[in-house]
Amino acid sequence: MISLTFPRLLRAAVLALTLIATPLLAQQDDLQDVNQMLKQGQFDQALTRINSYLATRPKDARGRFLKGLILAEQNKPNDAIKVFSELTTDFPELPGPYNNLAVLYAQQGQYDKARAALEQAIRTHPSYATAHENLGDIYAKMASQAYDKALQLDKSNSTAQTKLRKR
């Protein structure tokens, strides 16, 4: 079973936010407020606040990352994918956006895209444990699908049945 969940998005946020240059103190306060709203489940208020923040700082990676998290929490995966995809283009050295793309792709059943995003996250940050774990989850899900397909084609395939039960 895939355990790619939004808490992993939030854990990834901590890593990604530490990898980005520290902004001015006022900007930190704004982002901390938004992050607090996000943690408290105040998604609409957080989105309004982050949009205001980004109106004057449209290239700010931390703000954009938070916006992607908010959109994901609001169950707007396509909007969140757009934000994280743009971040990977503008900041290809950051692993967090790739990991979050992978989580969103996996939730949509797009496992090949999820795998590719996680592989890129690992290339940018080889010691990113969450991305390695998520990649293992993706491979496990893909293996399960392959065993299911083998059983659809040959219901008597006891080897595939055994392997599928282990998942």
C-alpha atoms as a PDB file:
ATOM      1  CA  MET A   1       0.000   0.000   0.000  1.00  0.00           C
ATOM      2  CA  ILE A   2       1.324   3.412  -0.885  1.00  0.00           C
ATOM      3  CA  SER A   3       1.773   5.663   2.098  1.00  0.00           C
ATOM      4  CA  LEU A   4       2.360   8.872   0.188  1.00  0.00           C
ATOM      5  CA  THR A   5       0.420  11.342   2.251  1.00  0.00           C
ATOM      6  CA  PHE A   6       0.199  15.066   2.735  1.00  0.00           C
ATOM      7  CA  PRO A   7       2.111  14.915   6.016  1.00  0.00           C
ATOM      8  CA  ARG A   8       5.034  13.946   3.801  1.00  0.00           C
ATOM      9  CA  LEU A   9       4.374  17.118   1.863  1.00  0.00           C
ATOM     10  CA  LEU A  10       4.668  19.099   5.057  1.00  0.00           C
ATOM     11  CA  ARG A  11       7.857  17.300   6.119  1.00  0.00           C
ATOM     12  CA  ALA A  12       9.289  18.055   2.709  1.00  0.00           C
ATOM     13  CA  ALA A  13       8.406  21.706   3.226  1.00  0.00           C
ATOM     14  CA  VAL A  14      10.693  21.923   6.224  1.00  0.00           C
ATOM     15  CA  LEU A  15      13.619  20.593   4.221  1.00  0.00           C
ATOM     16  CA  ALA A  16      12.936  22.738   1.183  1.00  0.00           C
ATOM     17  CA  LEU A  17      12.424  25.853   3.237  1.00  0.00           C
ATOM     18  CA  THR A  18      15.771  25.369   4.953  1.00  0.00           C
ATOM     19  CA  LEU A  19      17.499  25.052   1.579  1.00  0.00           C
ATOM     20  CA  ILE A  20      16.285  28.417   0.357  1.00  0.00           C
ATOM     21  CA  ALA A  21      18.070  31.638   1.291  1.00  0.00           C
ATOM     22  CA  THR A  22      16.643  33.355   4.373  1.00  0.00           C
ATOM     23  CA  PRO A  23      14.483  36.364   3.446  1.00  0.00           C
ATOM     24  CA  LEU A  24      14.126  39.597   5.365  1.00  0.00           C
ATOM     25  CA  LEU A  25      12.613  39.373   8.841  1.00  0.00           C
ATOM     26  CA  ALA A  26       9.238  40.818   7.757  1.00  0.00           C
ATOM     27  CA  GLN A  27       9.005  38.248   4.997  1.00  0.00           C
ATOM     28  CA  GLN A  28       9.795  35.511   7.512  1.00  0.00           C
ATOM     29  CA  ASP A  29       6.962  36.699   9.729  1.00  0.00           C
ATOM     30  CA  ASP A  30       4.512  36.656   6.803  1.00  0.00           C
ATOM     31  CA  LEU A  31       5.514  33.139   5.822  1.00  0.00           C
ATOM     32  CA  GLN A  32       5.434  31.934   9.421  1.00  0.00           C
ATOM     33  CA  ASP A  33       1.892  33.283   9.724  1.00  0.00           C
ATOM     34  CA  VAL A  34       0.850  31.481   6.551  1.00  0.00           C
ATOM     35  CA  ASN A  35       2.532  28.289   7.719  1.00  0.00           C
ATOM     36  CA  GLN A  36       0.689  28.538  11.036  1.00  0.00           C
ATOM     37  CA  MET A  37      -2.635  28.983   9.224  1.00  0.00           C
ATOM     38  CA  LEU A  38      -1.799  25.933   7.123  1.00  0.00           C
ATOM     39  CA  LYS A  39      -1.045  23.847  10.221  1.00  0.00           C
ATOM     40  CA  GLN A  40      -4.335  24.975  11.787  1.00  0.00           C
ATOM     41  CA  GLY A  41      -6.313  23.977   8.705  1.00  0.00           C
ATOM     42  CA  GLN A  42      -7.200  27.564   7.785  1.00  0.00           C
ATOM     43  CA  PHE A  43      -6.573  26.914   4.109  1.00  0.00           C
ATOM     44  CA  ASP A  44      -8.693  29.685   2.607  1.00  0.00           C
ATOM     45  CA  GLN A  45      -7.131  32.333   4.839  1.00  0.00           C
ATOM     46  CA  ALA A  46      -3.662  30.936   4.192  1.00  0.00           C
ATOM     47  CA  LEU A  47      -4.222  31.029   0.430  1.00  0.00           C
ATOM     48  CA  THR A  48      -5.461  34.623   0.568  1.00  0.00           C
ATOM     49  CA  ARG A  49      -2.452  35.633   2.643  1.00  0.00           C
ATOM     50  CA  ILE A  50       0.090  33.814   0.463  1.00  0.00           C
ATOM     51  CA  ASN A  51      -1.420  35.277  -2.700  1.00  0.00           C
ATOM     52  CA  SER A  52      -1.008  38.755  -1.196  1.00  0.00           C
ATOM     53  CA  TYR A  53       2.557  37.927  -0.254  1.00  0.00           C
ATOM     54  CA  LEU A  54       3.346  36.604  -3.740  1.00  0.00           C
ATOM     55  CA  ALA A  55       1.758  39.629  -5.420  1.00  0.00           C
ATOM     56  CA  THR A  56       4.801  41.638  -4.323  1.00  0.00           C
ATOM     57  CA  ARG A  57       7.305  38.755  -4.450  1.00  0.00           C
ATOM     58  CA  PRO A  58       6.240  36.532  -7.365  1.00  0.00           C
ATOM     59  CA  LYS A  59       9.570  34.695  -7.587  1.00  0.00           C
ATOM     60  CA  ASP A  60       9.842  33.875  -3.869  1.00  0.00           C
ATOM     61  CA  ALA A  61      10.410  30.122  -3.705  1.00  0.00           C
ATOM     62  CA  ARG A  62       9.333  29.731  -0.086  1.00  0.00           C
ATOM     63  CA  GLY A  63       6.024  31.505  -0.690  1.00  0.00           C
ATOM     64  CA  ARG A  64       5.359  29.560  -3.852  1.00  0.00           C
ATOM     65  CA  PHE A  65       6.154  26.309  -2.073  1.00  0.00           C
ATOM     66  CA  LEU A  66       3.688  27.139   0.691  1.00  0.00           C
ATOM     67  CA  LYS A  67       1.082  27.989  -1.931  1.00  0.00           C
ATOM     68  CA  GLY A  68       1.547  24.532  -3.457  1.00  0.00           C
ATOM     69  CA  LEU A  69       1.070  22.933  -0.044  1.00  0.00           C
ATOM     70  CA  ILE A  70      -2.086  24.958   0.579  1.00  0.00           C
ATOM     71  CA  LEU A  71      -3.533  24.016  -2.800  1.00  0.00           C
ATOM     72  CA  ALA A  72      -2.769  20.356  -2.152  1.00  0.00           C
ATOM     73  CA  GLU A  73      -4.502  20.540   1.218  1.00  0.00           C
ATOM     74  CA  GLN A  74      -7.505  22.210  -0.446  1.00  0.00           C
ATOM     75  CA  ASN A  75      -7.769  19.173  -2.722  1.00  0.00           C
ATOM     76  CA  LYS A  76      -6.735  21.149  -5.797  1.00  0.00           C
ATOM     77  CA  PRO A  77      -4.077  18.759  -7.069  1.00  0.00           C
ATOM     78  CA  ASN A  78      -3.829  20.162 -10.591  1.00  0.00           C
ATOM     79  CA  ASP A  79      -3.245  23.669  -9.246  1.00  0.00           C
ATOM     80  CA  ALA A  80      -0.673  22.336  -6.779  1.00  0.00           C
ATOM     81  CA  ILE A  81       1.049  20.371  -9.559  1.00  0.00           C
ATOM     82  CA  LYS A  82       1.308  23.559 -11.598  1.00  0.00           C
ATOM     83  CA  VAL A  83       2.927  25.426  -8.686  1.00  0.00           C
ATOM     84  CA  PHE A  84       5.416  22.640  -7.916  1.00  0.00           C
ATOM     85  CA  SER A  85       6.215  22.122 -11.621  1.00  0.00           C
ATOM     86  CA  GLU A  86       7.003  25.809 -12.024  1.00  0.00           C
ATOM     87  CA  LEU A  87       9.212  25.632  -8.935  1.00  0.00           C
ATOM     88  CA  THR A  88      11.196  22.754 -10.451  1.00  0.00           C
ATOM     89  CA  THR A  89      11.746  24.868 -13.541  1.00  0.00           C
ATOM     90  CA  ASP A  90      12.791  27.985 -11.628  1.00  0.00           C
ATOM     91  CA  PHE A  91      14.696  26.186  -8.841  1.00  0.00           C
ATOM     92  CA  PRO A  92      15.798  22.800 -10.250  1.00  0.00           C
ATOM     93  CA  GLU A  93      18.256  22.343  -7.390  1.00  0.00           C
ATOM     94  CA  LEU A  94      15.479  22.027  -4.771  1.00  0.00           C
ATOM     95  CA  PRO A  95      14.302  18.465  -4.055  1.00  0.00           C
ATOM     96  CA  GLY A  96      11.099  19.340  -2.159  1.00  0.00           C
ATOM     97  CA  PRO A  97       9.011  20.391  -5.151  1.00  0.00           C
ATOM     98  CA  TYR A  98       9.932  17.170  -6.987  1.00  0.00           C
ATOM     99  CA  ASN A  99       8.917  15.076  -3.969  1.00  0.00           C
ATOM    100  CA  ASN A 100       5.601  16.885  -3.677  1.00  0.00           C
ATOM    101  CA  LEU A 101       4.934  16.461  -7.379  1.00  0.00           C
ATOM    102  CA  ALA A 102       5.528  12.754  -6.902  1.00  0.00           C
ATOM    103  CA  VAL A 103       3.049  12.562  -4.043  1.00  0.00           C
ATOM    104  CA  LEU A 104       0.404  14.342  -6.108  1.00  0.00           C
ATOM    105  CA  TYR A 105       1.088  12.201  -9.178  1.00  0.00           C
ATOM    106  CA  ALA A 106       0.901   9.025  -7.083  1.00  0.00           C
ATOM    107  CA  GLN A 107      -2.439  10.085  -5.651  1.00  0.00           C
ATOM    108  CA  GLN A 108      -3.680  10.360  -9.230  1.00  0.00           C
ATOM    109  CA  GLY A 109      -2.300   6.933 -10.129  1.00  0.00           C
ATOM    110  CA  GLN A 110       0.400   8.420 -12.384  1.00  0.00           C
ATOM    111  CA  TYR A 111       3.180   6.234 -11.007  1.00  0.00           C
ATOM    112  CA  ASP A 112       5.644   6.698 -13.878  1.00  0.00           C
ATOM    113  CA  LYS A 113       5.522  10.468 -13.421  1.00  0.00           C
ATOM    114  CA  ALA A 114       5.839  10.030  -9.664  1.00  0.00           C
ATOM    115  CA  ARG A 115       8.878   7.800 -10.104  1.00  0.00           C
ATOM    116  CA  ALA A 116      10.553  10.273 -12.455  1.00  0.00           C
ATOM    117  CA  ALA A 117       9.940  13.166 -10.064  1.00  0.00           C
ATOM    118  CA  LEU A 118      11.364  11.228  -7.125  1.00  0.00           C
ATOM    119  CA  GLU A 119      14.415  10.191  -9.111  1.00  0.00           C
ATOM    120  CA  GLN A 120      15.013  13.860  -9.883  1.00  0.00           C
ATOM    121  CA  ALA A 121      14.586  14.784  -6.198  1.00  0.00           C
ATOM    122  CA  ILE A 122      17.217  12.195  -5.318  1.00  0.00           C
ATOM    123  CA  ARG A 123      19.589  13.436  -8.036  1.00  0.00           C
ATOM    124  CA  THR A 124      19.362  16.953  -6.613  1.00  0.00           C
ATOM    125  CA  HIS A 125      19.716  15.791  -2.993  1.00  0.00           C
ATOM    126  CA  PRO A 126      21.016  12.190  -2.709  1.00  0.00           C
ATOM    127  CA  SER A 127      20.524  12.042   1.069  1.00  0.00           C
ATOM    128  CA  TYR A 128      16.836  13.054   0.944  1.00  0.00           C
ATOM    129  CA  ALA A 129      15.430  10.112   2.910  1.00  0.00           C
ATOM    130  CA  THR A 130      11.751  10.945   2.331  1.00  0.00           C
ATOM    131  CA  ALA A 131      12.231  10.833  -1.439  1.00  0.00           C
ATOM    132  CA  HIS A 132      13.982   7.455  -1.166  1.00  0.00           C
ATOM    133  CA  GLU A 133      11.150   6.105   0.976  1.00  0.00           C
ATOM    134  CA  ASN A 134       8.515   7.475  -1.398  1.00  0.00           C
ATOM    135  CA  LEU A 135      10.357   5.934  -4.345  1.00  0.00           C
ATOM    136  CA  GLY A 136      10.229   2.567  -2.556  1.00  0.00           C
ATOM    137  CA  ASP A 137       6.483   3.053  -2.106  1.00  0.00           C
ATOM    138  CA  ILE A 138       6.094   3.799  -5.816  1.00  0.00           C
ATOM    139  CA  TYR A 139       8.080   0.711  -6.825  1.00  0.00           C
ATOM    140  CA  ALA A 140       5.976  -1.405  -4.452  1.00  0.00           C
ATOM    141  CA  LYS A 141       2.751  -0.061  -5.950  1.00  0.00           C
ATOM    142  CA  MET A 142       4.017  -0.632  -9.490  1.00  0.00           C
ATOM    143  CA  ALA A 143       5.048  -4.181  -8.565  1.00  0.00           C
ATOM    144  CA  SER A 144       1.610  -4.838  -7.082  1.00  0.00           C
ATOM    145  CA  GLN A 145      -0.027  -3.647 -10.291  1.00  0.00           C
ATOM    146  CA  ALA A 146       2.242  -5.896 -12.362  1.00  0.00           C
ATOM    147  CA  TYR A 147       1.395  -8.933 -10.205  1.00  0.00           C
ATOM    148  CA  ASP A 148      -2.313  -8.102 -10.510  1.00  0.00           C
ATOM    149  CA  LYS A 149      -1.962  -7.974 -14.278  1.00  0.00           C
ATOM    150  CA  ALA A 150      -0.104 -11.298 -14.316  1.00  0.00           C
ATOM    151  CA  LEU A 151      -2.972 -12.852 -12.346  1.00  0.00           C
ATOM    152  CA  GLN A 152      -5.555 -11.389 -14.696  1.00  0.00           C
ATOM    153  CA  LEU A 153      -3.760 -13.059 -17.576  1.00  0.00           C
ATOM    154  CA  ASP A 154      -3.138 -16.333 -15.734  1.00  0.00           C
ATOM    155  CA  LYS A 155      -5.266 -16.937 -12.626  1.00  0.00           C
ATOM    156  CA  SER A 156      -3.303 -20.102 -11.829  1.00  0.00           C
ATOM    157  CA  ASN A 157       0.015 -18.245 -11.499  1.00  0.00           C
ATOM    158  CA  SER A 158       0.855 -19.242  -7.920  1.00  0.00           C
ATOM    159  CA  THR A 159       4.142 -17.331  -7.902  1.00  0.00           C
ATOM    160  CA  ALA A 160       2.387 -14.052  -8.667  1.00  0.00           C
ATOM    161  CA  GLN A 161      -0.282 -14.871  -6.054  1.00  0.00           C
ATOM    162  CA  THR A 162       2.404 -15.402  -3.430  1.00  0.00           C
ATOM    163  CA  LYS A 163       4.230 -12.224  -4.333  1.00  0.00           C
ATOM    164  CA  LEU A 164       1.009 -10.218  -4.315  1.00  0.00           C
ATOM    165  CA  ARG A 165       0.113 -11.483  -0.812  1.00  0.00           C
ATOM    166  CA  LYS A 166       3.484 -10.223   0.472  1.00  0.00           C
ATOM    167  CA  ARG A 167       2.599  -6.669  -0.571  1.00  0.00           C
END
